[in-house]
Protein backbone atom coordinates (compact mmCIF):
# COMPACT_ATOMS: atom_id res chain seq x y z
CA MET A 1 -14.81 -10.91 9.67
CA LYS A 2 -11.12 -10.17 9.38
CA ILE A 3 -9.59 -8.95 6.14
CA GLU A 4 -5.81 -8.76 5.85
CA ILE A 5 -4.36 -6.71 3.00
CA TRP A 6 -0.74 -7.10 1.94
CA SER A 7 0.37 -3.94 0.19
CA ASP A 8 3.36 -1.78 -0.70
CA VAL A 9 2.86 1.99 -0.58
CA MET A 10 4.83 2.47 -3.81
CA CYS A 11 2.69 -0.07 -5.69
CA PRO A 12 0.33 1.79 -8.06
CA PHE A 13 -2.19 -1.03 -8.17
CA CYS A 14 -2.32 -1.24 -4.37
CA TYR A 15 -3.75 2.29 -4.14
CA ILE A 16 -6.23 1.50 -6.93
CA GLY A 17 -7.12 -1.78 -5.23
CA LYS A 18 -7.68 0.04 -1.94
CA ARG A 19 -10.26 2.30 -3.59
CA LYS A 20 -12.09 -0.56 -5.30
CA PHE A 21 -12.13 -2.60 -2.11
CA GLU A 22 -13.44 0.40 -0.14
CA THR A 23 -16.29 0.82 -2.62
CA ALA A 24 -17.28 -2.82 -2.10
CA LEU A 25 -16.95 -2.58 1.67
CA GLU A 26 -19.07 0.57 1.81
CA GLY A 27 -21.91 -1.31 0.16
CA PHE A 28 -21.47 -4.46 2.26
CA GLU A 29 -24.40 -5.03 4.62
CA HIS A 30 -22.18 -6.20 7.50
CA LYS A 31 -19.35 -3.67 7.11
CA ASP A 32 -19.58 -2.73 10.81
CA LYS A 33 -18.43 -6.27 11.64
CA VAL A 34 -15.39 -6.18 9.38
CA GLU A 35 -11.87 -5.66 10.74
CA VAL A 36 -9.33 -4.52 8.14
CA VAL A 37 -5.66 -5.17 8.90
CA TRP A 38 -2.95 -3.76 6.65
CA LYS A 39 0.14 -5.91 6.15
CA SER A 40 3.58 -4.83 4.97
CA PHE A 41 5.09 -6.06 1.72
CA GLN A 42 8.00 -4.83 -0.37
CA LEU A 43 7.97 -5.26 -4.13
CA ASN A 44 11.67 -4.47 -4.24
CA PRO A 45 13.39 -4.79 -0.83
CA ASP A 46 16.78 -3.93 -2.36
CA MET A 47 15.62 -0.69 -3.95
CA LYS A 48 17.97 2.22 -3.36
CA THR A 49 16.51 5.64 -2.67
CA GLU A 50 17.40 7.84 -5.67
CA PRO A 51 15.52 11.17 -5.52
CA GLY A 52 17.08 12.43 -8.76
CA LYS A 53 16.01 9.51 -10.95
CA ASN A 54 12.90 9.64 -13.11
CA ILE A 55 10.51 6.73 -12.49
CA ASN A 56 10.32 5.96 -16.21
CA GLN A 57 14.12 5.63 -16.30
CA TYR A 58 14.01 3.38 -13.24
CA LEU A 59 11.34 1.07 -14.68
CA ALA A 60 13.13 0.88 -18.02
CA GLU A 61 16.29 -0.23 -16.22
CA ILE A 62 14.80 -2.88 -13.92
CA LYS A 63 12.20 -4.24 -16.35
CA GLY A 64 14.32 -4.14 -19.48
CA TRP A 65 11.81 -1.84 -21.18
CA SER A 66 12.49 1.05 -23.50
CA LEU A 67 11.91 4.52 -22.05
CA GLU A 68 8.96 4.96 -24.41
CA GLN A 69 7.42 1.69 -23.21
CA ALA A 70 7.79 2.72 -19.56
CA GLU A 71 6.15 6.07 -20.28
CA LYS A 72 3.27 4.39 -22.13
CA ILE A 73 2.62 1.91 -19.31
CA ASN A 74 2.69 4.62 -16.64
CA LYS A 75 0.26 6.68 -18.71
CA GLN A 76 -2.11 3.70 -18.85
CA VAL A 77 -1.82 3.19 -15.08
CA THR A 78 -2.51 6.90 -14.55
CA GLU A 79 -5.74 6.56 -16.54
CA THR A 80 -6.75 3.47 -14.53
CA ALA A 81 -6.11 5.39 -11.33
CA LYS A 82 -8.12 8.36 -12.60
CA ALA A 83 -11.09 6.08 -13.20
CA ALA A 84 -10.85 5.07 -9.54
CA GLY A 85 -10.83 8.73 -8.46
CA LEU A 86 -7.08 8.97 -7.89
CA ASN A 87 -4.59 11.50 -9.24
CA TYR A 88 -1.20 9.97 -10.12
CA ASN A 89 1.76 12.21 -10.93
CA PHE A 90 4.47 9.78 -12.02
CA ASP A 91 6.60 12.66 -13.28
CA LYS A 92 6.97 13.77 -9.64
CA ALA A 93 7.43 10.31 -8.07
CA VAL A 94 10.60 9.82 -6.03
CA ILE A 95 12.41 6.47 -6.28
CA ALA A 96 12.58 5.41 -2.63
CA ASN A 97 12.88 2.27 -0.50
CA SER A 98 9.63 1.78 1.40
CA PHE A 99 10.93 -0.05 4.49
CA ASP A 100 10.79 2.92 6.88
CA ALA A 101 7.37 3.86 5.50
CA HIS A 102 6.22 0.37 6.48
CA ARG A 103 7.65 0.87 9.96
CA LEU A 104 5.54 4.03 10.18
CA ILE A 105 2.48 1.99 9.18
CA GLN A 106 3.23 -0.54 11.92
CA LEU A 107 3.46 2.28 14.48
CA ALA A 108 0.21 3.68 13.15
CA LYS A 109 -1.48 0.27 13.47
CA LYS A 110 -0.60 0.23 17.17
CA ASN A 111 -2.50 3.51 17.44
CA ASN A 112 -5.50 2.39 15.35
CA ARG A 113 -4.31 4.54 12.43
CA GLY A 114 -3.29 1.80 10.01
CA ASP A 115 -5.71 2.71 7.24
CA ALA A 116 -4.97 6.41 7.64
CA ALA A 117 -1.24 5.71 7.32
CA GLU A 118 -1.71 3.71 4.13
CA GLU A 119 -3.89 6.41 2.62
CA ARG A 120 -1.52 9.24 3.56
CA LEU A 121 1.57 7.45 2.26
CA PHE A 122 -0.11 6.49 -1.01
CA LYS A 123 -1.11 10.10 -1.61
CA ALA A 124 2.34 11.35 -0.61
CA TYR A 125 4.04 9.05 -3.08
CA PHE A 126 1.71 9.00 -6.07
CA THR A 127 0.12 12.44 -5.97
CA GLU A 128 2.45 14.76 -4.07
CA GLY A 129 5.83 13.38 -5.18
CA LYS A 130 7.20 13.12 -1.64
CA ASN A 131 10.26 11.06 -0.71
CA ILE A 132 8.75 8.34 1.51
CA ALA A 133 12.22 7.28 2.67
CA ASP A 134 13.01 10.71 4.12
CA ALA A 135 12.74 10.74 7.92
CA GLU A 136 11.60 14.37 8.15
CA ILE A 137 8.84 13.77 5.63
CA LEU A 138 7.72 10.60 7.44
CA VAL A 139 7.48 12.57 10.70
CA HIS A 140 5.22 15.13 9.02
CA LEU A 141 3.07 12.40 7.48
CA GLY A 142 2.78 10.78 10.89
CA ILE A 143 1.64 14.09 12.39
CA ASP A 144 -0.90 14.44 9.57
CA ILE A 145 -2.66 11.25 10.70
CA GLY A 146 -2.57 12.10 14.40
CA LEU A 147 0.60 10.36 15.57
CA ASP A 148 2.90 11.95 18.12
CA ALA A 149 5.94 13.52 16.44
CA THR A 150 8.29 12.33 19.17
CA ASP A 151 7.05 8.75 18.81
CA VAL A 152 7.68 8.82 15.06
CA LYS A 153 11.15 10.37 15.48
CA THR A 154 12.11 7.82 18.12
CA MET A 155 10.93 4.97 15.93
CA LEU A 156 12.86 6.22 12.89
CA ALA A 157 16.03 6.83 14.90
CA GLY A 158 16.15 3.18 16.00
CA GLN A 159 14.96 -0.20 14.80
CA ASP A 160 11.44 -0.18 16.26
CA TYR A 161 8.86 -2.13 14.22
CA THR A 162 11.52 -3.68 11.98
CA ASP A 163 10.53 -7.14 13.22
CA GLU A 164 6.85 -6.43 12.61
CA VAL A 165 7.51 -5.49 8.98
CA LYS A 166 9.65 -8.58 8.46
CA LYS A 167 7.00 -10.77 10.10
CA ASP A 168 4.34 -9.48 7.67
CA ILE A 169 6.62 -10.18 4.71
CA TYR A 170 7.34 -13.69 6.03
CA GLU A 171 3.61 -14.30 6.53
CA ALA A 172 3.02 -13.24 2.93
CA GLN A 173 5.30 -16.04 1.78
CA GLN A 174 3.44 -18.52 3.98
CA VAL A 175 -0.01 -17.69 2.59
CA GLY A 176 1.20 -17.66 -1.00
CA VAL A 177 1.39 -13.95 -1.81
CA ARG A 178 3.22 -13.52 -5.11
CA GLY A 179 2.23 -9.92 -5.78
CA VAL A 180 0.25 -7.10 -4.21
CA PRO A 181 -2.35 -5.99 -3.42
CA PHE A 182 -3.42 -9.29 -1.89
CA PHE A 183 -6.60 -9.52 0.17
CA VAL A 184 -7.23 -12.45 2.53
CA ILE A 185 -10.65 -12.93 4.15
CA ASP A 186 -10.67 -14.92 7.39
CA ARG A 187 -7.63 -16.83 6.09
CA LYS A 188 -10.03 -18.73 3.81
CA TYR A 189 -10.60 -16.63 0.71
CA ALA A 190 -8.16 -14.54 -1.27
CA VAL A 191 -8.51 -11.81 -3.87
CA SER A 192 -5.35 -10.95 -5.77
CA GLY A 193 -4.78 -7.65 -7.52
CA ALA A 194 -6.79 -4.47 -8.03
CA GLN A 195 -9.98 -6.29 -8.99
CA GLU A 196 -13.26 -4.57 -9.76
CA SER A 197 -15.45 -3.78 -6.76
CA ALA A 198 -17.94 -6.47 -7.80
CA VAL A 199 -15.26 -9.14 -7.27
CA PHE A 200 -14.68 -7.92 -3.72
CA THR A 201 -18.42 -7.79 -3.09
CA GLN A 202 -18.80 -11.38 -4.21
CA ALA A 203 -15.94 -12.52 -1.98
CA LEU A 204 -17.31 -10.63 1.04
CA ASN A 205 -20.79 -12.09 0.60
CA LYS A 206 -19.48 -15.62 0.12
CA ALA A 207 -17.26 -15.45 3.19
CA TRP A 208 -20.05 -13.98 5.31
CA ALA A 209 -22.55 -16.63 4.20
CA GLU A 210 -20.22 -19.31 5.46
CA LYS A 211 -19.90 -17.64 8.85
CA VAL A 212 -23.61 -17.54 9.65
């Protein structure tokens, strides 16, 4: 069984969805026969990296919210994340374009480190307040998951894996992805959003039953 997951590493619900999906997969009887493939997606491709801007300010500007509304919503998301076992520090989050982070994920996928790359980047962004558009930081994150530093530096210095990121984003349009996280099972079933683990379990069981 092949499960493709379209995700953006600066999407708070993608990290939450990853945890809820993992819980379902852990309890799935045939988990050893499941291949998980992470796919790139950008919620805001035109986002400019602005390390000095507070995330509440940024959301208020792009969403047309008041600062108080942005703070309230982020507090609610933080509580949702906490319930999933995640620690979000929005006050430390750095406004950053995620394109190069997605190139790092594509490099990691070639080295069977796709899931590790997603996990490390999520934690870097949401918990540690790291700038995921900074080349030096991306090199260190790559090293953290077992990638060769020279390979990461070479990739970041050029345009390697740009086409792979763009291909994933194009594919998302073709399969009808309107938001992330978006989970596709064997290109037949889809689960949209950070659903409860029971929803993923139901989808996994249904898809498997049709295979056998």
